[in-house]
Amino acid sequence: MTFQNRRSAKWEARLDYEVGKLRNAQTYRELTLNRLKDLVGAPNEAELLRALAKRVSEGDLQVVYRVVSPWTQASLATYKSPLDVPDTMLDDSTGETIDIDRYRNVEPVYVSEVVGVQ
């Protein structure tokens, strides 16, 4: 086994461990992409996203999409699909209607169960 394969196996094993903790959680639990990056130490974000997408498509992991306020970073709403996110939304934290930028204001959140999504 080469060094690259050992390194890959280690971060993927840590990812599997975190996914297992989510799947077996007795209460609602969530991990953002940034938190997963910190926990598993993937070589880069692209590889981590590929590994997460594989686990989601295989049904081992659940993901929802959270809209966050561009001004306060408060959570505004959660959706099952990024395609369900509206173009505009009332930002309850500021009282203003905002345009939603799906690249800046929507974040994937990996969850133990899907609750309270629209």
C-alpha atoms as a PDB file:
ATOM      1  CA  MET A   1       0.000   0.000   0.000  1.00  0.00           C
ATOM      2  CA  THR A   2       1.429   3.357  -0.968  1.00  0.00           C
ATOM      3  CA  PHE A   3       1.545   6.381   1.310  1.00  0.00           C
ATOM      4  CA  GLN A   4      -1.263   8.055  -0.707  1.00  0.00           C
ATOM      5  CA  ASN A   5      -3.556   5.039  -0.259  1.00  0.00           C
ATOM      6  CA  ARG A   6      -2.863   4.882   3.500  1.00  0.00           C
ATOM      7  CA  ARG A   7      -3.613   8.594   3.870  1.00  0.00           C
ATOM      8  CA  SER A   8      -6.805   8.204   1.856  1.00  0.00           C
ATOM      9  CA  ALA A   9      -7.867   5.206   3.913  1.00  0.00           C
ATOM     10  CA  LYS A  10      -7.347   7.134   7.163  1.00  0.00           C
ATOM     11  CA  TRP A  11      -9.520  10.133   6.315  1.00  0.00           C
ATOM     12  CA  GLU A  12     -12.174   7.942   4.740  1.00  0.00           C
ATOM     13  CA  ALA A  13     -12.196   5.768   7.863  1.00  0.00           C
ATOM     14  CA  ARG A  14     -12.699   8.913   9.960  1.00  0.00           C
ATOM     15  CA  LEU A  15     -15.527   9.939   7.618  1.00  0.00           C
ATOM     16  CA  ASP A  16     -17.155   6.525   7.985  1.00  0.00           C
ATOM     17  CA  TYR A  17     -16.854   6.862  11.763  1.00  0.00           C
ATOM     18  CA  GLU A  18     -18.612  10.270  11.718  1.00  0.00           C
ATOM     19  CA  VAL A  19     -21.304   8.981   9.336  1.00  0.00           C
ATOM     20  CA  GLY A  20     -21.851   6.043  11.683  1.00  0.00           C
ATOM     21  CA  LYS A  21     -22.265   8.414  14.633  1.00  0.00           C
ATOM     22  CA  LEU A  22     -24.893  10.353  12.689  1.00  0.00           C
ATOM     23  CA  ARG A  23     -26.757   7.206  11.629  1.00  0.00           C
ATOM     24  CA  ASN A  24     -26.795   5.767  15.145  1.00  0.00           C
ATOM     25  CA  ALA A  25     -27.570   8.983  17.020  1.00  0.00           C
ATOM     26  CA  GLN A  26     -30.388   8.678  19.538  1.00  0.00           C
ATOM     27  CA  THR A  27     -31.274  12.367  19.103  1.00  0.00           C
ATOM     28  CA  TYR A  28     -31.065  14.828  16.241  1.00  0.00           C
ATOM     29  CA  ARG A  29     -27.476  15.577  15.275  1.00  0.00           C
ATOM     30  CA  GLU A  30     -25.998  17.550  12.406  1.00  0.00           C
ATOM     31  CA  LEU A  31     -22.643  18.296  10.844  1.00  0.00           C
ATOM     32  CA  THR A  32     -21.878  21.089   8.409  1.00  0.00           C
ATOM     33  CA  LEU A  33     -19.412  20.644   5.600  1.00  0.00           C
ATOM     34  CA  ASN A  34     -16.898  22.853   7.410  1.00  0.00           C
ATOM     35  CA  ARG A  35     -17.172  20.747  10.577  1.00  0.00           C
ATOM     36  CA  LEU A  36     -16.709  17.540   8.589  1.00  0.00           C
ATOM     37  CA  LYS A  37     -13.620  19.022   6.933  1.00  0.00           C
ATOM     38  CA  ASP A  38     -12.171  19.677  10.384  1.00  0.00           C
ATOM     39  CA  LEU A  39     -13.084  16.243  11.737  1.00  0.00           C
ATOM     40  CA  VAL A  40     -11.905  13.988   8.916  1.00  0.00           C
ATOM     41  CA  GLY A  41      -8.950  15.855   7.417  1.00  0.00           C
ATOM     42  CA  ALA A  42      -9.665  15.038   3.774  1.00  0.00           C
ATOM     43  CA  PRO A  43      -6.858  15.995   1.374  1.00  0.00           C
ATOM     44  CA  ASN A  44      -9.130  18.579  -0.286  1.00  0.00           C
ATOM     45  CA  GLU A  45     -12.744  19.688  -0.391  1.00  0.00           C
ATOM     46  CA  ALA A  46     -13.436  18.090  -3.792  1.00  0.00           C
ATOM     47  CA  GLU A  47     -12.503  14.614  -2.519  1.00  0.00           C
ATOM     48  CA  LEU A  48     -14.578  15.091   0.605  1.00  0.00           C
ATOM     49  CA  LEU A  49     -17.579  16.225  -1.451  1.00  0.00           C
ATOM     50  CA  ARG A  50     -17.244  13.183  -3.728  1.00  0.00           C
ATOM     51  CA  ALA A  51     -17.093  10.865  -0.722  1.00  0.00           C
ATOM     52  CA  LEU A  52     -20.109  12.552   0.888  1.00  0.00           C
ATOM     53  CA  ALA A  53     -22.109  12.442  -2.363  1.00  0.00           C
ATOM     54  CA  LYS A  54     -21.374   8.715  -2.659  1.00  0.00           C
ATOM     55  CA  ARG A  55     -22.640   8.071   0.872  1.00  0.00           C
ATOM     56  CA  VAL A  56     -25.757  10.181   0.279  1.00  0.00           C
ATOM     57  CA  SER A  57     -26.548   8.385  -3.000  1.00  0.00           C
ATOM     58  CA  GLU A  58     -26.099   4.998  -1.306  1.00  0.00           C
ATOM     59  CA  GLY A  59     -28.497   6.028   1.473  1.00  0.00           C
ATOM     60  CA  ASP A  60     -25.853   5.931   4.203  1.00  0.00           C
ATOM     61  CA  LEU A  61     -26.070   9.656   4.880  1.00  0.00           C
ATOM     62  CA  GLN A  62     -28.832  12.254   4.798  1.00  0.00           C
ATOM     63  CA  VAL A  63     -28.343  15.840   3.684  1.00  0.00           C
ATOM     64  CA  VAL A  64     -30.533  18.927   3.885  1.00  0.00           C
ATOM     65  CA  TYR A  65     -29.853  22.426   2.618  1.00  0.00           C
ATOM     66  CA  ARG A  66     -29.899  25.330   5.039  1.00  0.00           C
ATOM     67  CA  VAL A  67     -30.432  28.931   3.968  1.00  0.00           C
ATOM     68  CA  VAL A  68     -28.379  31.299   6.103  1.00  0.00           C
ATOM     69  CA  SER A  69     -28.696  35.054   6.410  1.00  0.00           C
ATOM     70  CA  PRO A  70     -25.954  36.879   4.510  1.00  0.00           C
ATOM     71  CA  TRP A  71     -25.880  39.503   7.261  1.00  0.00           C
ATOM     72  CA  THR A  72     -26.230  37.595  10.540  1.00  0.00           C
ATOM     73  CA  GLN A  73     -25.467  33.990   9.482  1.00  0.00           C
ATOM     74  CA  ALA A  74     -28.708  32.951  11.227  1.00  0.00           C
ATOM     75  CA  SER A  75     -30.479  29.883   9.870  1.00  0.00           C
ATOM     76  CA  LEU A  76     -33.564  30.992   7.935  1.00  0.00           C
ATOM     77  CA  ALA A  77     -34.978  27.726   6.550  1.00  0.00           C
ATOM     78  CA  THR A  78     -34.041  24.172   5.658  1.00  0.00           C
ATOM     79  CA  TYR A  79     -34.941  22.317   2.455  1.00  0.00           C
ATOM     80  CA  LYS A  80     -34.642  18.744   1.185  1.00  0.00           C
ATOM     81  CA  SER A  81     -33.176  19.890  -2.126  1.00  0.00           C
ATOM     82  CA  PRO A  82     -31.237  22.971  -3.202  1.00  0.00           C
ATOM     83  CA  LEU A  83     -33.747  23.230  -6.050  1.00  0.00           C
ATOM     84  CA  ASP A  84     -36.515  23.878  -3.485  1.00  0.00           C
ATOM     85  CA  VAL A  85     -34.795  27.024  -2.190  1.00  0.00           C
ATOM     86  CA  PRO A  86     -36.717  30.138  -3.303  1.00  0.00           C
ATOM     87  CA  ASP A  87     -35.042  33.029  -5.103  1.00  0.00           C
ATOM     88  CA  THR A  88     -36.040  35.480  -2.357  1.00  0.00           C
ATOM     89  CA  MET A  89     -36.904  35.074   1.301  1.00  0.00           C
ATOM     90  CA  LEU A  90     -37.730  37.122   4.357  1.00  0.00           C
ATOM     91  CA  ASP A  91     -34.668  37.297   6.579  1.00  0.00           C
ATOM     92  CA  ASP A  92     -36.282  37.045  10.024  1.00  0.00           C
ATOM     93  CA  SER A  93     -33.055  38.128  11.682  1.00  0.00           C
ATOM     94  CA  THR A  94     -33.068  41.519   9.919  1.00  0.00           C
ATOM     95  CA  GLY A  95     -36.700  41.905   8.839  1.00  0.00           C
ATOM     96  CA  GLU A  96     -35.656  42.428   5.210  1.00  0.00           C
ATOM     97  CA  THR A  97     -36.391  40.416   2.086  1.00  0.00           C
ATOM     98  CA  ILE A  98     -33.171  39.067   0.626  1.00  0.00           C
ATOM     99  CA  ASP A  99     -32.130  37.586  -2.702  1.00  0.00           C
ATOM    100  CA  ILE A 100     -30.825  34.067  -2.149  1.00  0.00           C
ATOM    101  CA  ASP A 101     -27.435  33.273  -3.667  1.00  0.00           C
ATOM    102  CA  ARG A 102     -27.353  29.460  -3.761  1.00  0.00           C
ATOM    103  CA  TYR A 103     -23.552  29.475  -3.682  1.00  0.00           C
ATOM    104  CA  ARG A 104     -23.186  31.821  -0.717  1.00  0.00           C
ATOM    105  CA  ASN A 105     -26.384  31.553   1.318  1.00  0.00           C
ATOM    106  CA  VAL A 106     -27.150  27.822   1.098  1.00  0.00           C
ATOM    107  CA  GLU A 107     -25.075  25.215   2.904  1.00  0.00           C
ATOM    108  CA  PRO A 108     -25.352  21.437   2.959  1.00  0.00           C
ATOM    109  CA  VAL A 109     -25.950  20.022   6.413  1.00  0.00           C
ATOM    110  CA  TYR A 110     -25.510  16.311   7.053  1.00  0.00           C
ATOM    111  CA  VAL A 111     -28.083  15.117   9.565  1.00  0.00           C
ATOM    112  CA  SER A 112     -29.060  12.115  11.675  1.00  0.00           C
ATOM    113  CA  GLU A 113     -32.673  12.456  10.528  1.00  0.00           C
ATOM    114  CA  VAL A 114     -34.602  14.795   8.291  1.00  0.00           C
ATOM    115  CA  VAL A 115     -36.871  16.915  10.500  1.00  0.00           C
ATOM    116  CA  GLY A 116     -38.515  20.269   9.950  1.00  0.00           C
ATOM    117  CA  VAL A 117     -37.594  20.644   6.282  1.00  0.00           C
ATOM    118  CA  GLN A 118     -39.766  22.321   3.686  1.00  0.00           C
END
